Amino acid sequence: MKPYKAIVGALLKFEKIHNFLSSDCIVAFSGGLDSRVLFDVITKFKRDNNIYSRTIACHIPVYAEGVSGLNLDEVYEGNISEDVNFPISCSFCSRIRKRALLEFAKEKGIYNILLGHNKNDFVENFLYNQIYHKRLESMPLKRVYFEKYNFLRPFAFCSRKNIEIYAKENNLVDIENKCSASSRLRKEFREIIDKINKDYNLYNNVMDLIEKNKFYGEVNE
């Protein structure tokens, strides 16, 4: 199956759970492959199927010293008005960026905000939470803020492999401004899972377990 068809199939599977393709949406655009492919595929799918809702890419930079915008014509640069002293924790950075996305969504009158986490991310998060936090929980497919803003993860059923193949075929490269404080533990954990997956089909098996038992995170916040 060609990667575009596989990715669209994953999006349509998500659409059956949470409708979003016919609505205006914002893609949280980091510049990494997940967000680049998400924006590209949704834009192409809507165009090919005569869906006229807006799809807007918005980049909120990692809140770290020396990190700049992406300077892409088709991507809005979100504003962060917070005044804090460095260094800051990853969780605080995440909250600041999420707040900026919500402010952008309010400005544009859009209620669906799309994140690029893929099936592999769900599995890694689920296993990580078991081992380090003793919780049977992955990420939520959907999280609602202020009873109307929906943070959605429409790549939940899409493999990282298909995303990478699609990106290569369409000359989409990773341009994300990486944060130097990115977790080394998470990276090492992913490498271990990737090794196990080669022999035991771990990503597909664990994602089936997550789906069957609804091992997702909390919906409302």
C-alpha atoms as a PDB file:
ATOM      1  CA  MET A   1       0.000   0.000   0.000  1.00  0.00           C
ATOM      2  CA  LYS A   2       1.381   3.374  -0.954  1.00  0.00           C
ATOM      3  CA  PRO A   3       2.118   5.666   2.021  1.00  0.00           C
ATOM      4  CA  TYR A   4      -0.405   8.357   1.048  1.00  0.00           C
ATOM      5  CA  LYS A   5      -3.223   5.815   0.877  1.00  0.00           C
ATOM      6  CA  ALA A   6      -2.138   4.258   4.176  1.00  0.00           C
ATOM      7  CA  ILE A   7      -1.955   7.653   5.895  1.00  0.00           C
ATOM      8  CA  VAL A   8      -5.366   8.714   4.585  1.00  0.00           C
ATOM      9  CA  GLY A   9      -6.764   5.389   5.790  1.00  0.00           C
ATOM     10  CA  ALA A  10      -5.409   6.124   9.277  1.00  0.00           C
ATOM     11  CA  LEU A  11      -6.934   9.621   9.202  1.00  0.00           C
ATOM     12  CA  LEU A  12     -10.323   8.243   8.140  1.00  0.00           C
ATOM     13  CA  LYS A  13     -10.188   5.699  10.977  1.00  0.00           C
ATOM     14  CA  PHE A  14      -9.657   8.578  13.392  1.00  0.00           C
ATOM     15  CA  GLU A  15     -12.420  10.555  11.669  1.00  0.00           C
ATOM     16  CA  LYS A  16     -14.926   7.834  12.647  1.00  0.00           C
ATOM     17  CA  ILE A  17     -14.087   8.506  16.306  1.00  0.00           C
ATOM     18  CA  HIS A  18     -13.695  12.288  16.213  1.00  0.00           C
ATOM     19  CA  ASN A  19     -14.950  14.235  13.174  1.00  0.00           C
ATOM     20  CA  PHE A  20     -12.531  16.923  12.097  1.00  0.00           C
ATOM     21  CA  LEU A  21     -11.836  16.763   8.345  1.00  0.00           C
ATOM     22  CA  SER A  22     -14.840  18.877   7.366  1.00  0.00           C
ATOM     23  CA  SER A  23     -14.066  21.515  10.013  1.00  0.00           C
ATOM     24  CA  ASP A  24     -11.530  24.326  10.202  1.00  0.00           C
ATOM     25  CA  CYS A  25      -8.386  23.164  11.951  1.00  0.00           C
ATOM     26  CA  ILE A  26      -4.977  24.298  13.099  1.00  0.00           C
ATOM     27  CA  VAL A  27      -1.962  22.011  12.686  1.00  0.00           C
ATOM     28  CA  ALA A  28       0.527  22.477  15.517  1.00  0.00           C
ATOM     29  CA  PHE A  29       3.528  22.749  13.204  1.00  0.00           C
ATOM     30  CA  SER A  30       6.876  21.968  14.819  1.00  0.00           C
ATOM     31  CA  GLY A  31       8.699  21.519  11.531  1.00  0.00           C
ATOM     32  CA  GLY A  32       9.370  17.849  12.272  1.00  0.00           C
ATOM     33  CA  LEU A  33       8.275  15.142   9.835  1.00  0.00           C
ATOM     34  CA  ASP A  34       5.049  14.314  11.697  1.00  0.00           C
ATOM     35  CA  SER A  35       3.669  17.844  11.560  1.00  0.00           C
ATOM     36  CA  ARG A  36       4.926  18.486   8.032  1.00  0.00           C
ATOM     37  CA  VAL A  37       3.299  15.330   6.675  1.00  0.00           C
ATOM     38  CA  LEU A  38       0.101  15.928   8.666  1.00  0.00           C
ATOM     39  CA  PHE A  39      -0.295  19.402   7.187  1.00  0.00           C
ATOM     40  CA  ASP A  40       0.613  18.258   3.676  1.00  0.00           C
ATOM     41  CA  VAL A  41      -1.693  15.214   3.624  1.00  0.00           C
ATOM     42  CA  ILE A  42      -4.717  16.984   5.117  1.00  0.00           C
ATOM     43  CA  THR A  43      -4.301  19.910   2.709  1.00  0.00           C
ATOM     44  CA  LYS A  44      -4.037  17.514  -0.244  1.00  0.00           C
ATOM     45  CA  PHE A  45      -6.956  15.356   0.945  1.00  0.00           C
ATOM     46  CA  LYS A  46      -9.258  18.361   1.346  1.00  0.00           C
ATOM     47  CA  ARG A  47      -8.279  19.708  -2.066  1.00  0.00           C
ATOM     48  CA  ASP A  48      -8.850  16.362  -3.806  1.00  0.00           C
ATOM     49  CA  ASN A  49     -12.219  15.886  -2.100  1.00  0.00           C
ATOM     50  CA  ASN A  50     -13.502  19.462  -2.490  1.00  0.00           C
ATOM     51  CA  ILE A  51     -13.544  20.137   1.240  1.00  0.00           C
ATOM     52  CA  TYR A  52     -13.332  23.903   1.712  1.00  0.00           C
ATOM     53  CA  SER A  53     -12.675  24.184   5.450  1.00  0.00           C
ATOM     54  CA  ARG A  54      -9.516  25.980   6.526  1.00  0.00           C
ATOM     55  CA  THR A  55      -6.311  24.158   7.462  1.00  0.00           C
ATOM     56  CA  ILE A  56      -3.782  26.505   9.058  1.00  0.00           C
ATOM     57  CA  ALA A  57      -0.261  25.595  10.149  1.00  0.00           C
ATOM     58  CA  CYS A  58       0.920  27.405  13.265  1.00  0.00           C
ATOM     59  CA  HIS A  59       4.443  27.166  14.629  1.00  0.00           C
ATOM     60  CA  ILE A  60       5.024  27.776  18.318  1.00  0.00           C
ATOM     61  CA  PRO A  61       8.793  27.618  18.888  1.00  0.00           C
ATOM     62  CA  VAL A  62      10.356  25.758  21.764  1.00  0.00           C
ATOM     63  CA  TYR A  63      10.608  28.325  24.512  1.00  0.00           C
ATOM     64  CA  ALA A  64      14.385  28.393  24.814  1.00  0.00           C
ATOM     65  CA  GLU A  65      17.073  30.973  24.364  1.00  0.00           C
ATOM     66  CA  GLY A  66      18.365  31.351  20.821  1.00  0.00           C
ATOM     67  CA  VAL A  67      15.475  29.466  19.166  1.00  0.00           C
ATOM     68  CA  SER A  68      13.889  31.303  16.240  1.00  0.00           C
ATOM     69  CA  GLY A  69      10.913  30.813  13.920  1.00  0.00           C
ATOM     70  CA  LEU A  70      10.838  28.622  10.828  1.00  0.00           C
ATOM     71  CA  ASN A  71      10.301  31.421   8.283  1.00  0.00           C
ATOM     72  CA  LEU A  72       7.981  29.466   5.988  1.00  0.00           C
ATOM     73  CA  ASP A  73       5.459  31.426   3.921  1.00  0.00           C
ATOM     74  CA  GLU A  74       2.614  28.969   4.568  1.00  0.00           C
ATOM     75  CA  VAL A  75       3.189  28.754   8.341  1.00  0.00           C
ATOM     76  CA  TYR A  76       2.007  31.298  10.911  1.00  0.00           C
ATOM     77  CA  GLU A  77       4.444  32.105  13.688  1.00  0.00           C
ATOM     78  CA  GLY A  78       2.652  32.115  17.032  1.00  0.00           C
ATOM     79  CA  ASN A  79       3.487  34.725  19.636  1.00  0.00           C
ATOM     80  CA  ILE A  80       4.600  33.878  23.150  1.00  0.00           C
ATOM     81  CA  SER A  81       4.128  36.733  25.543  1.00  0.00           C
ATOM     82  CA  GLU A  82       5.420  34.973  28.657  1.00  0.00           C
ATOM     83  CA  ASP A  83       8.276  36.624  30.549  1.00  0.00           C
ATOM     84  CA  VAL A  84      10.239  33.938  32.388  1.00  0.00           C
ATOM     85  CA  ASN A  85      13.795  33.263  33.418  1.00  0.00           C
ATOM     86  CA  PHE A  86      15.775  30.421  31.874  1.00  0.00           C
ATOM     87  CA  PRO A  87      16.257  27.567  32.265  1.00  0.00           C
ATOM     88  CA  ILE A  88      12.662  26.306  32.492  1.00  0.00           C
ATOM     89  CA  SER A  89      11.283  22.782  32.783  1.00  0.00           C
ATOM     90  CA  CYS A  90       9.954  20.828  29.796  1.00  0.00           C
ATOM     91  CA  SER A  91       6.480  20.729  31.353  1.00  0.00           C
ATOM     92  CA  PHE A  92       6.421  24.518  31.813  1.00  0.00           C
ATOM     93  CA  CYS A  93       7.596  25.019  28.222  1.00  0.00           C
ATOM     94  CA  SER A  94       4.803  22.715  27.038  1.00  0.00           C
ATOM     95  CA  ARG A  95       2.174  24.686  28.973  1.00  0.00           C
ATOM     96  CA  ILE A  96       3.413  28.002  27.578  1.00  0.00           C
ATOM     97  CA  ARG A  97       3.294  26.720  23.996  1.00  0.00           C
ATOM     98  CA  LYS A  98      -0.122  25.148  24.482  1.00  0.00           C
ATOM     99  CA  ARG A  99      -1.438  28.453  25.826  1.00  0.00           C
ATOM    100  CA  ALA A 100      -0.066  30.221  22.746  1.00  0.00           C
ATOM    101  CA  LEU A 101      -1.836  27.711  20.487  1.00  0.00           C
ATOM    102  CA  LEU A 102      -5.110  28.314  22.323  1.00  0.00           C
ATOM    103  CA  GLU A 103      -4.698  32.080  21.934  1.00  0.00           C
ATOM    104  CA  PHE A 104      -4.059  31.619  18.198  1.00  0.00           C
ATOM    105  CA  ALA A 105      -7.121  29.358  17.896  1.00  0.00           C
ATOM    106  CA  LYS A 106      -9.260  31.943  19.672  1.00  0.00           C
ATOM    107  CA  GLU A 107      -7.969  34.680  17.339  1.00  0.00           C
ATOM    108  CA  LYS A 108      -8.836  32.599  14.241  1.00  0.00           C
ATOM    109  CA  GLY A 109     -12.153  31.276  15.577  1.00  0.00           C
ATOM    110  CA  ILE A 110     -11.027  27.649  15.180  1.00  0.00           C
ATOM    111  CA  TYR A 111     -11.743  24.885  17.693  1.00  0.00           C
ATOM    112  CA  ASN A 112      -9.782  21.869  16.385  1.00  0.00           C
ATOM    113  CA  ILE A 113      -6.028  21.844  17.007  1.00  0.00           C
ATOM    114  CA  LEU A 114      -4.157  18.899  15.487  1.00  0.00           C
ATOM    115  CA  LEU A 115      -1.022  17.374  16.989  1.00  0.00           C
ATOM    116  CA  GLY A 116       1.281  15.092  15.021  1.00  0.00           C
ATOM    117  CA  HIS A 117       1.858  12.218  17.465  1.00  0.00           C
ATOM    118  CA  ASN A 118       1.781   8.913  15.583  1.00  0.00           C
ATOM    119  CA  LYS A 119       1.049   5.291  16.501  1.00  0.00           C
ATOM    120  CA  ASN A 120       4.633   4.684  17.595  1.00  0.00           C
ATOM    121  CA  ASP A 121       4.427   7.651  19.973  1.00  0.00           C
ATOM    122  CA  PHE A 122       1.243   6.239  21.553  1.00  0.00           C
ATOM    123  CA  VAL A 123       2.907   2.872  22.133  1.00  0.00           C
ATOM    124  CA  GLU A 124       6.107   4.397  23.512  1.00  0.00           C
ATOM    125  CA  ASN A 125       4.117   6.658  25.832  1.00  0.00           C
ATOM    126  CA  PHE A 126       2.010   3.720  27.045  1.00  0.00           C
ATOM    127  CA  LEU A 127       5.049   1.560  27.846  1.00  0.00           C
ATOM    128  CA  TYR A 128       6.909   4.482  29.387  1.00  0.00           C
ATOM    129  CA  ASN A 129       3.976   5.257  31.700  1.00  0.00           C
ATOM    130  CA  GLN A 130       3.818   1.631  32.836  1.00  0.00           C
ATOM    131  CA  ILE A 131       7.496   1.344  33.623  1.00  0.00           C
ATOM    132  CA  TYR A 132       8.230   4.782  35.069  1.00  0.00           C
ATOM    133  CA  HIS A 133       4.860   5.998  36.386  1.00  0.00           C
ATOM    134  CA  LYS A 134       2.981   2.723  37.081  1.00  0.00           C
ATOM    135  CA  ARG A 135      -0.010   3.813  34.965  1.00  0.00           C
ATOM    136  CA  LEU A 136      -1.896   1.930  32.249  1.00  0.00           C
ATOM    137  CA  GLU A 137      -2.307   5.021  30.121  1.00  0.00           C
ATOM    138  CA  SER A 138      -1.154   6.419  26.813  1.00  0.00           C
ATOM    139  CA  MET A 139      -1.922   9.829  25.307  1.00  0.00           C
ATOM    140  CA  PRO A 140      -5.534  10.929  24.734  1.00  0.00           C
ATOM    141  CA  LEU A 141      -6.901  10.790  21.212  1.00  0.00           C
ATOM    142  CA  LYS A 142      -8.726  13.996  22.083  1.00  0.00           C
ATOM    143  CA  ARG A 143      -8.411  16.472  24.937  1.00  0.00           C
ATOM    144  CA  VAL A 144     -10.865  19.311  25.451  1.00  0.00           C
ATOM    145  CA  TYR A 145      -9.936  22.673  26.970  1.00  0.00           C
ATOM    146  CA  PHE A 146     -12.460  25.229  28.193  1.00  0.00           C
ATOM    147  CA  GLU A 147     -15.258  22.942  26.952  1.00  0.00           C
ATOM    148  CA  LYS A 148     -14.719  23.845  23.278  1.00  0.00           C
ATOM    149  CA  TYR A 149     -11.080  23.684  22.120  1.00  0.00           C
ATOM    150  CA  ASN A 150     -10.198  20.180  20.927  1.00  0.00           C
ATOM    151  CA  PHE A 151      -6.603  18.979  20.835  1.00  0.00           C
ATOM    152  CA  LEU A 152      -6.694  15.988  18.468  1.00  0.00           C
ATOM    153  CA  ARG A 153      -4.091  13.384  17.485  1.00  0.00           C
ATOM    154  CA  PRO A 154      -5.329  12.191  14.069  1.00  0.00           C
ATOM    155  CA  PHE A 155      -2.097  10.253  13.367  1.00  0.00           C
ATOM    156  CA  ALA A 156      -2.858   7.874  16.266  1.00  0.00           C
ATOM    157  CA  PHE A 157      -3.278   4.953  13.855  1.00  0.00           C
ATOM    158  CA  CYS A 158      -0.541   5.974  11.443  1.00  0.00           C
ATOM    159  CA  SER A 159       2.893   4.330  11.609  1.00  0.00           C
ATOM    160  CA  ARG A 160       6.087   6.346  11.773  1.00  0.00           C
ATOM    161  CA  LYS A 161       7.404   4.292   8.837  1.00  0.00           C
ATOM    162  CA  ASN A 162       4.658   5.467   6.472  1.00  0.00           C
ATOM    163  CA  ILE A 163       5.191   9.062   7.571  1.00  0.00           C
ATOM    164  CA  GLU A 164       8.923   8.807   6.879  1.00  0.00           C
ATOM    165  CA  ILE A 165       8.385   7.203   3.451  1.00  0.00           C
ATOM    166  CA  TYR A 166       5.811   9.835   2.464  1.00  0.00           C
ATOM    167  CA  ALA A 167       8.138  12.625   3.603  1.00  0.00           C
ATOM    168  CA  LYS A 168      11.015  11.233   1.540  1.00  0.00           C
ATOM    169  CA  GLU A 169       8.852  10.800  -1.570  1.00  0.00           C
ATOM    170  CA  ASN A 170       7.580  14.387  -1.285  1.00  0.00           C
ATOM    171  CA  ASN A 171      10.886  16.041  -0.365  1.00  0.00           C
ATOM    172  CA  LEU A 172       9.716  17.029   3.120  1.00  0.00           C
ATOM    173  CA  VAL A 173      12.676  17.293   5.461  1.00  0.00           C
ATOM    174  CA  ASP A 174      12.823  17.774   9.205  1.00  0.00           C
ATOM    175  CA  ILE A 175      13.355  21.499   9.884  1.00  0.00           C
ATOM    176  CA  GLU A 176      12.333  21.505  13.541  1.00  0.00           C
ATOM    177  CA  ASN A 177      14.413  23.643  15.889  1.00  0.00           C
ATOM    178  CA  LYS A 178      15.350  20.975  18.424  1.00  0.00           C
ATOM    179  CA  CYS A 179      15.617  21.803  22.092  1.00  0.00           C
ATOM    180  CA  SER A 180      18.973  20.931  23.666  1.00  0.00           C
ATOM    181  CA  ALA A 181      17.171  19.878  26.855  1.00  0.00           C
ATOM    182  CA  SER A 182      15.250  17.085  25.088  1.00  0.00           C
ATOM    183  CA  SER A 183      14.998  13.998  27.279  1.00  0.00           C
ATOM    184  CA  ARG A 184      17.886  11.542  26.834  1.00  0.00           C
ATOM    185  CA  LEU A 185      15.900   8.903  28.718  1.00  0.00           C
ATOM    186  CA  ARG A 186      13.044   9.062  26.195  1.00  0.00           C
ATOM    187  CA  LYS A 187      15.467   8.699  23.286  1.00  0.00           C
ATOM    188  CA  GLU A 188      17.133   5.647  24.825  1.00  0.00           C
ATOM    189  CA  PHE A 189      13.733   4.150  25.626  1.00  0.00           C
ATOM    190  CA  ARG A 190      12.652   4.519  21.986  1.00  0.00           C
ATOM    191  CA  GLU A 191      15.820   2.837  20.756  1.00  0.00           C
ATOM    192  CA  ILE A 192      15.143  -0.178  22.998  1.00  0.00           C
ATOM    193  CA  ILE A 193      11.547  -0.482  21.762  1.00  0.00           C
ATOM    194  CA  ASP A 194      12.656  -0.222  18.129  1.00  0.00           C
ATOM    195  CA  LYS A 195      15.016  -3.158  18.662  1.00  0.00           C
ATOM    196  CA  ILE A 196      12.275  -5.307  20.241  1.00  0.00           C
ATOM    197  CA  ASN A 197       9.842  -4.373  17.483  1.00  0.00           C
ATOM    198  CA  LYS A 198      12.036  -5.947  14.806  1.00  0.00           C
ATOM    199  CA  ASP A 199      11.399  -9.423  16.240  1.00  0.00           C
ATOM    200  CA  TYR A 200       8.026  -9.119  17.979  1.00  0.00           C
ATOM    201  CA  ASN A 201       5.855  -6.660  15.991  1.00  0.00           C
ATOM    202  CA  LEU A 202       5.600  -4.689  19.217  1.00  0.00           C
ATOM    203  CA  TYR A 203       4.099  -1.451  17.886  1.00  0.00           C
ATOM    204  CA  ASN A 204       1.122  -3.115  16.208  1.00  0.00           C
ATOM    205  CA  ASN A 205       0.466  -5.539  19.070  1.00  0.00           C
ATOM    206  CA  VAL A 206       0.583  -2.916  21.809  1.00  0.00           C
ATOM    207  CA  MET A 207      -1.522  -0.450  19.806  1.00  0.00           C
ATOM    208  CA  ASP A 208      -4.147  -3.193  19.406  1.00  0.00           C
ATOM    209  CA  LEU A 209      -4.072  -3.588  23.205  1.00  0.00           C
ATOM    210  CA  ILE A 210      -4.467   0.167  23.726  1.00  0.00           C
ATOM    211  CA  GLU A 211      -7.427   0.332  21.317  1.00  0.00           C
ATOM    212  CA  LYS A 212      -9.186  -2.736  22.707  1.00  0.00           C
ATOM    213  CA  ASN A 213      -8.971  -1.563  26.319  1.00  0.00           C
ATOM    214  CA  LYS A 214      -9.216   2.207  25.710  1.00  0.00           C
ATOM    215  CA  PHE A 215      -5.900   2.838  27.442  1.00  0.00           C
ATOM    216  CA  TYR A 216      -5.913   6.503  26.457  1.00  0.00           C
ATOM    217  CA  GLY A 217      -5.238   9.542  28.611  1.00  0.00           C
ATOM    218  CA  GLU A 218      -7.778  11.883  30.177  1.00  0.00           C
ATOM    219  CA  VAL A 219     -10.079  13.699  27.770  1.00  0.00           C
ATOM    220  CA  ASN A 220     -10.892  16.924  29.573  1.00  0.00           C
ATOM    221  CA  GLU A 221      -8.630  19.486  31.206  1.00  0.00           C
END
